[in-house]
All heavy atoms as atom14 arrays in JSON, in Angstrom:
{
  "sequence": "IVVNSIPSFTVGGMGRAREWWNDYRVSYANNT",
  "atom14_mask": [
    [1, 1, 1, 1, 1, 1, 1, 1, 0, 0, 0, 0, 0, 0],
    [1, 1, 1, 1, 1, 1, 1, 0, 0, 0, 0, 0, 0, 0],
    [1, 1, 1, 1, 1, 1, 1, 0, 0, 0, 0, 0, 0, 0],
    [1, 1, 1, 1, 1, 1, 1, 1, 0, 0, 0, 0, 0, 0],
    [1, 1, 1, 1, 1, 1, 0, 0, 0, 0, 0, 0, 0, 0],
    [1, 1, 1, 1, 1, 1, 1, 1, 0, 0, 0, 0, 0, 0],
    [1, 1, 1, 1, 1, 1, 1, 0, 0, 0, 0, 0, 0, 0],
    [1, 1, 1, 1, 1, 1, 0, 0, 0, 0, 0, 0, 0, 0],
    [1, 1, 1, 1, 1, 1, 1, 1, 1, 1, 1, 0, 0, 0],
    [1, 1, 1, 1, 1, 1, 1, 0, 0, 0, 0, 0, 0, 0],
    [1, 1, 1, 1, 1, 1, 1, 0, 0, 0, 0, 0, 0, 0],
    [1, 1, 1, 1, 0, 0, 0, 0, 0, 0, 0, 0, 0, 0],
    [1, 1, 1, 1, 0, 0, 0, 0, 0, 0, 0, 0, 0, 0],
    [1, 1, 1, 1, 1, 1, 1, 1, 0, 0, 0, 0, 0, 0],
    [1, 1, 1, 1, 0, 0, 0, 0, 0, 0, 0, 0, 0, 0],
    [1, 1, 1, 1, 1, 1, 1, 1, 1, 1, 1, 0, 0, 0],
    [1, 1, 1, 1, 1, 0, 0, 0, 0, 0, 0, 0, 0, 0],
    [1, 1, 1, 1, 1, 1, 1, 1, 1, 1, 1, 0, 0, 0],
    [1, 1, 1, 1, 1, 1, 1, 1, 1, 0, 0, 0, 0, 0],
    [1, 1, 1, 1, 1, 1, 1, 1, 1, 1, 1, 1, 1, 1],
    [1, 1, 1, 1, 1, 1, 1, 1, 1, 1, 1, 1, 1, 1],
    [1, 1, 1, 1, 1, 1, 1, 1, 0, 0, 0, 0, 0, 0],
    [1, 1, 1, 1, 1, 1, 1, 1, 0, 0, 0, 0, 0, 0],
    [1, 1, 1, 1, 1, 1, 1, 1, 1, 1, 1, 1, 0, 0],
    [1, 1, 1, 1, 1, 1, 1, 1, 1, 1, 1, 0, 0, 0],
    [1, 1, 1, 1, 1, 1, 1, 0, 0, 0, 0, 0, 0, 0],
    [1, 1, 1, 1, 1, 1, 0, 0, 0, 0, 0, 0, 0, 0],
    [1, 1, 1, 1, 1, 1, 1, 1, 1, 1, 1, 1, 0, 0],
    [1, 1, 1, 1, 1, 0, 0, 0, 0, 0, 0, 0, 0, 0],
    [1, 1, 1, 1, 1, 1, 1, 1, 0, 0, 0, 0, 0, 0],
    [1, 1, 1, 1, 1, 1, 1, 1, 0, 0, 0, 0, 0, 0],
    [1, 1, 1, 1, 1, 1, 1, 0, 0, 0, 0, 0, 0, 0]
  ],
  "atom14_positions": [
    [[149.94, 276.57, -120.21], [149.87, 275.44, -121.14], [148.84, 274.46, -120.61], [148.52, 274.45, -119.41], [151.21, 274.72, -121.33], [151.69, 274.11, -120.0], [152.25, 275.64, -121.93], [152.82, 273.14, -120.16], [0.0, 0.0, 0.0], [0.0, 0.0, 0.0], [0.0, 0.0, 0.0], [0.0, 0.0, 0.0], [0.0, 0.0, 0.0], [0.0, 0.0, 0.0]],
    [[148.3, 273.63, -121.49], [147.35, 272.59, -121.09], [147.92, 271.24, -121.49], [148.25, 271.02, -122.66], [145.97, 272.8, -121.75], [145.03, 271.65, -121.39], [145.37, 274.13, -121.29], [0.0, 0.0, 0.0], [0.0, 0.0, 0.0], [0.0, 0.0, 0.0], [0.0, 0.0, 0.0], [0.0, 0.0, 0.0], [0.0, 0.0, 0.0], [0.0, 0.0, 0.0]],
    [[148.06, 270.36, -120.51], [148.58, 269.02, -120.73], [147.41, 268.06, -120.9], [146.47, 268.06, -120.1], [149.46, 268.57, -119.55], [150.09, 267.21, -119.84], [150.53, 269.6, -119.24], [0.0, 0.0, 0.0], [0.0, 0.0, 0.0], [0.0, 0.0, 0.0], [0.0, 0.0, 0.0], [0.0, 0.0, 0.0], [0.0, 0.0, 0.0], [0.0, 0.0, 0.0]],
    [[147.45, 267.26, -121.96], [146.36, 266.33, -122.26], [146.63, 264.89, -121.85], [145.69, 264.12, -121.69], [146.05, 266.36, -123.76], [145.28, 267.59, -124.15], [144.9, 268.4, -123.31], [145.05, 267.76, -125.44], [0.0, 0.0, 0.0], [0.0, 0.0, 0.0], [0.0, 0.0, 0.0], [0.0, 0.0, 0.0], [0.0, 0.0, 0.0], [0.0, 0.0, 0.0]],
    [[147.87, 264.51, -121.75], [148.2, 263.16, -121.27], [149.66, 263.11, -120.89], [150.49, 263.81, -121.47], [147.88, 262.09, -122.31], [148.83, 262.12, -123.36], [0.0, 0.0, 0.0], [0.0, 0.0, 0.0], [0.0, 0.0, 0.0], [0.0, 0.0, 0.0], [0.0, 0.0, 0.0], [0.0, 0.0, 0.0], [0.0, 0.0, 0.0], [0.0, 0.0, 0.0]],
    [[149.95, 262.26, -119.9], [151.34, 262.01, -119.49], [151.5, 260.52, -119.26], [151.24, 260.01, -118.16], [151.71, 262.75, -118.19], [151.21, 264.19, -118.17], [153.24, 262.72, -117.99], [151.44, 264.89, -116.84], [0.0, 0.0, 0.0], [0.0, 0.0, 0.0], [0.0, 0.0, 0.0], [0.0, 0.0, 0.0], [0.0, 0.0, 0.0], [0.0, 0.0, 0.0]],
    [[151.9, 259.76, -120.28], [152.17, 258.34, -120.03], [153.23, 258.15, -118.95], [154.24, 258.86, -118.93], [152.66, 257.84, -121.4], [152.04, 258.77, -122.38], [152.03, 260.11, -121.69], [0.0, 0.0, 0.0], [0.0, 0.0, 0.0], [0.0, 0.0, 0.0], [0.0, 0.0, 0.0], [0.0, 0.0, 0.0], [0.0, 0.0, 0.0], [0.0, 0.0, 0.0]],
    [[152.99, 257.2, -118.07], [153.96, 256.92, -117.01], [155.23, 256.31, -117.57], [156.33, 256.58, -117.09], [153.34, 255.99, -115.97], [152.16, 256.54, -115.44], [0.0, 0.0, 0.0], [0.0, 0.0, 0.0], [0.0, 0.0, 0.0], [0.0, 0.0, 0.0], [0.0, 0.0, 0.0], [0.0, 0.0, 0.0], [0.0, 0.0, 0.0], [0.0, 0.0, 0.0]],
    [[155.07, 255.45, -118.58], [156.24, 254.94, -119.28], [155.85, 254.48, -120.67], [154.69, 254.16, -120.95], [156.93, 253.79, -118.52], [156.16, 252.5, -118.45], [156.03, 251.67, -119.57], [155.59, 252.08, -117.27], [155.33, 250.48, -119.51], [154.88, 250.88, -117.2], [154.76, 250.08, -118.32], [0.0, 0.0, 0.0], [0.0, 0.0, 0.0], [0.0, 0.0, 0.0]],
    [[156.84, 254.46, -121.57], [156.72, 253.84, -122.88], [157.99, 253.02, -123.11], [159.09, 253.51, -122.87], [156.56, 254.88, -124.0], [157.62, 255.85, -123.91], [155.23, 255.6, -123.9], [0.0, 0.0, 0.0], [0.0, 0.0, 0.0], [0.0, 0.0, 0.0], [0.0, 0.0, 0.0], [0.0, 0.0, 0.0], [0.0, 0.0, 0.0], [0.0, 0.0, 0.0]],
    [[157.82, 251.8, -123.55], [158.94, 250.89, -123.76], [158.82, 250.3, -125.16], [157.81, 249.67, -125.49], [158.93, 249.75, -122.72], [160.11, 248.82, -122.97], [158.95, 250.29, -121.31], [0.0, 0.0, 0.0], [0.0, 0.0, 0.0], [0.0, 0.0, 0.0], [0.0, 0.0, 0.0], [0.0, 0.0, 0.0], [0.0, 0.0, 0.0], [0.0, 0.0, 0.0]],
    [[159.81, 250.49, -126.0], [159.81, 249.93, -127.34], [160.74, 248.74, -127.46], [161.47, 248.39, -126.53], [0.0, 0.0, 0.0], [0.0, 0.0, 0.0], [0.0, 0.0, 0.0], [0.0, 0.0, 0.0], [0.0, 0.0, 0.0], [0.0, 0.0, 0.0], [0.0, 0.0, 0.0], [0.0, 0.0, 0.0], [0.0, 0.0, 0.0], [0.0, 0.0, 0.0]],
    [[160.73, 248.11, -128.64], [161.66, 247.01, -128.91], [161.48, 245.82, -128.01], [162.46, 245.14, -127.67], [0.0, 0.0, 0.0], [0.0, 0.0, 0.0], [0.0, 0.0, 0.0], [0.0, 0.0, 0.0], [0.0, 0.0, 0.0], [0.0, 0.0, 0.0], [0.0, 0.0, 0.0], [0.0, 0.0, 0.0], [0.0, 0.0, 0.0], [0.0, 0.0, 0.0]],
    [[160.24, 245.5, -127.62], [160.02, 244.4, -126.68], [160.24, 243.04, -127.32], [160.61, 242.08, -126.63], [158.6, 244.49, -126.12], [158.32, 245.74, -125.32], [156.58, 245.85, -124.86], [156.45, 244.56, -123.63], [0.0, 0.0, 0.0], [0.0, 0.0, 0.0], [0.0, 0.0, 0.0], [0.0, 0.0, 0.0], [0.0, 0.0, 0.0], [0.0, 0.0, 0.0]],
    [[159.96, 242.91, -128.61], [160.07, 241.62, -129.26], [161.5, 241.25, -129.58], [162.17, 241.93, -130.35], [0.0, 0.0, 0.0], [0.0, 0.0, 0.0], [0.0, 0.0, 0.0], [0.0, 0.0, 0.0], [0.0, 0.0, 0.0], [0.0, 0.0, 0.0], [0.0, 0.0, 0.0], [0.0, 0.0, 0.0], [0.0, 0.0, 0.0], [0.0, 0.0, 0.0]],
    [[161.98, 240.16, -129.03], [163.34, 239.7, -129.28], [163.37, 238.61, -130.35], [164.38, 237.96, -130.55], [163.96, 239.17, -127.98], [164.23, 240.25, -126.95], [164.69, 239.66, -125.63], [165.94, 238.92, -125.74], [167.15, 239.45, -125.63], [167.28, 240.77, -125.45], [168.23, 238.7, -125.71], [0.0, 0.0, 0.0], [0.0, 0.0, 0.0], [0.0, 0.0, 0.0]],
    [[162.26, 238.42, -131.04], [162.17, 237.37, -132.06], [161.9, 238.02, -133.41], [161.31, 239.1, -133.51], [161.06, 236.4, -131.71], [0.0, 0.0, 0.0], [0.0, 0.0, 0.0], [0.0, 0.0, 0.0], [0.0, 0.0, 0.0], [0.0, 0.0, 0.0], [0.0, 0.0, 0.0], [0.0, 0.0, 0.0], [0.0, 0.0, 0.0], [0.0, 0.0, 0.0]],
    [[162.32, 237.35, -134.47], [162.13, 237.88, -135.82], [160.65, 238.06, -136.13], [160.23, 239.08, -136.65], [162.77, 236.94, -136.84], [162.59, 237.4, -138.29], [163.35, 236.51, -139.25], [163.11, 236.93, -140.62], [163.73, 237.93, -141.23], [164.63, 238.64, -140.56], [163.47, 238.24, -142.48], [0.0, 0.0, 0.0], [0.0, 0.0, 0.0], [0.0, 0.0, 0.0]],
    [[159.85, 237.08, -135.76], [158.41, 237.18, -136.0], [157.7, 237.41, -134.67], [157.03, 236.54, -134.12], [157.9, 235.92, -136.69], [158.45, 235.73, -138.1], [157.8, 234.57, -138.83], [157.0, 233.84, -138.19], [158.08, 234.4, -140.02], [0.0, 0.0, 0.0], [0.0, 0.0, 0.0], [0.0, 0.0, 0.0], [0.0, 0.0, 0.0], [0.0, 0.0, 0.0]],
    [[157.86, 238.62, -134.12], [157.31, 238.92, -132.8], [155.8, 238.73, -132.76], [155.24, 238.38, -131.72], [157.68, 240.34, -132.38], [157.36, 241.42, -133.39], [158.2, 241.96, -134.31], [156.1, 242.08, -133.57], [157.55, 242.92, -135.06], [156.26, 243.02, -134.62], [154.85, 241.99, -132.96], [155.23, 243.84, -135.06], [153.81, 242.81, -133.39], [154.0, 243.71, -134.43]],
    [[155.11, 238.94, -133.86], [153.65, 238.82, -133.88], [153.2, 237.37, -133.69], [152.08, 237.13, -133.25], [153.1, 239.38, -135.2], [153.72, 238.76, -136.42], [153.3, 237.66, -137.09], [154.91, 239.2, -137.09], [154.14, 237.37, -138.13], [155.15, 238.32, -138.16], [155.8, 240.27, -136.9], [156.22, 238.46, -139.04], [156.87, 240.42, -137.77], [157.07, 239.52, -138.82]],
    [[154.06, 236.42, -134.03], [153.74, 235.0, -133.84], [154.28, 234.44, -132.53], [153.78, 233.44, -132.02], [154.29, 234.16, -134.99], [153.45, 234.29, -136.25], [152.25, 234.5, -136.16], [154.09, 234.17, -137.4], [0.0, 0.0, 0.0], [0.0, 0.0, 0.0], [0.0, 0.0, 0.0], [0.0, 0.0, 0.0], [0.0, 0.0, 0.0], [0.0, 0.0, 0.0]],
    [[155.34, 235.06, -132.03], [156.08, 234.44, -130.93], [155.63, 234.89, -129.54], [156.13, 234.37, -128.54], [157.58, 234.73, -131.09], [158.17, 233.98, -132.27], [157.49, 233.09, -132.8], [159.3, 234.3, -132.67], [0.0, 0.0, 0.0], [0.0, 0.0, 0.0], [0.0, 0.0, 0.0], [0.0, 0.0, 0.0], [0.0, 0.0, 0.0], [0.0, 0.0, 0.0]],
    [[154.72, 235.84, -129.45], [154.28, 236.34, -128.15], [152.76, 236.27, -128.02], [152.03, 236.34, -129.02], [154.74, 237.79, -127.93], [156.24, 237.94, -127.78], [157.05, 238.09, -128.9], [156.84, 237.93, -126.53], [158.42, 238.22, -128.78], [158.21, 238.07, -126.39], [158.99, 238.21, -127.52], [160.36, 238.35, -127.39], [0.0, 0.0, 0.0], [0.0, 0.0, 0.0]],
    [[152.31, 236.13, -126.8], [150.89, 236.18, -126.47], [150.69, 237.23, -125.37], [151.52, 237.36, -124.47], [150.38, 234.83, -125.95], [150.52, 233.69, -126.93], [149.52, 233.78, -128.08], [149.6, 232.63, -128.95], [150.4, 232.54, -130.01], [151.23, 233.54, -130.3], [150.41, 231.46, -130.77], [0.0, 0.0, 0.0], [0.0, 0.0, 0.0], [0.0, 0.0, 0.0]],
    [[149.57, 237.94, -125.43], [149.24, 238.93, -124.41], [148.15, 238.36, -123.51], [147.21, 237.72, -123.98], [148.81, 240.28, -125.02], [147.57, 240.14, -125.9], [148.58, 241.31, -123.92], [0.0, 0.0, 0.0], [0.0, 0.0, 0.0], [0.0, 0.0, 0.0], [0.0, 0.0, 0.0], [0.0, 0.0, 0.0], [0.0, 0.0, 0.0], [0.0, 0.0, 0.0]],
    [[148.28, 238.6, -122.21], [147.3, 238.12, -121.23], [146.82, 239.28, -120.38], [147.6, 240.16, -120.0], [147.91, 237.04, -120.34], [148.32, 235.91, -121.09], [0.0, 0.0, 0.0], [0.0, 0.0, 0.0], [0.0, 0.0, 0.0], [0.0, 0.0, 0.0], [0.0, 0.0, 0.0], [0.0, 0.0, 0.0], [0.0, 0.0, 0.0], [0.0, 0.0, 0.0]],
    [[145.53, 239.27, -120.08], [144.93, 240.32, -119.27], [143.81, 239.69, -118.46], [143.36, 238.58, -118.73], [144.38, 241.44, -120.16], [143.38, 240.98, -121.19], [142.01, 240.97, -120.91], [143.8, 240.53, -122.44], [141.09, 240.52, -121.85], [142.87, 240.08, -123.39], [141.53, 240.07, -123.08], [140.62, 239.62, -124.0], [0.0, 0.0, 0.0], [0.0, 0.0, 0.0]],
    [[143.34, 240.43, -117.44], [142.36, 239.86, -116.51], [141.06, 240.63, -116.55], [141.02, 241.82, -116.23], [142.92, 239.85, -115.09], [0.0, 0.0, 0.0], [0.0, 0.0, 0.0], [0.0, 0.0, 0.0], [0.0, 0.0, 0.0], [0.0, 0.0, 0.0], [0.0, 0.0, 0.0], [0.0, 0.0, 0.0], [0.0, 0.0, 0.0], [0.0, 0.0, 0.0]],
    [[139.97, 239.94, -116.94], [138.65, 240.49, -116.71], [138.39, 240.53, -115.21], [138.82, 239.64, -114.47], [137.58, 239.63, -117.38], [137.7, 239.63, -118.88], [138.03, 240.64, -119.49], [137.44, 238.49, -119.5], [0.0, 0.0, 0.0], [0.0, 0.0, 0.0], [0.0, 0.0, 0.0], [0.0, 0.0, 0.0], [0.0, 0.0, 0.0], [0.0, 0.0, 0.0]],
    [[137.69, 241.57, -114.78], [137.48, 241.73, -113.34], [136.15, 242.44, -113.12], [136.07, 243.66, -113.27], [138.62, 242.55, -112.73], [138.71, 242.42, -111.22], [139.26, 241.45, -110.71], [138.17, 243.4, -110.49], [0.0, 0.0, 0.0], [0.0, 0.0, 0.0], [0.0, 0.0, 0.0], [0.0, 0.0, 0.0], [0.0, 0.0, 0.0], [0.0, 0.0, 0.0]],
    [[135.14, 241.7, -112.79], [133.85, 242.32, -112.57], [133.22, 241.75, -111.3], [133.73, 240.79, -110.72], [132.92, 242.13, -113.78], [131.77, 242.98, -113.63], [132.46, 240.69, -113.91], [0.0, 0.0, 0.0], [0.0, 0.0, 0.0], [0.0, 0.0, 0.0], [0.0, 0.0, 0.0], [0.0, 0.0, 0.0], [0.0, 0.0, 0.0], [0.0, 0.0, 0.0]]
  ]
}
């Protein structure tokens, strides 16, 4: 068989608010 990807983890249902799209912000770091 040939494996194309193995995610280390997947987590669903992260939003605990009715309007999760408004109630959360994502942050990440540029690094150069």
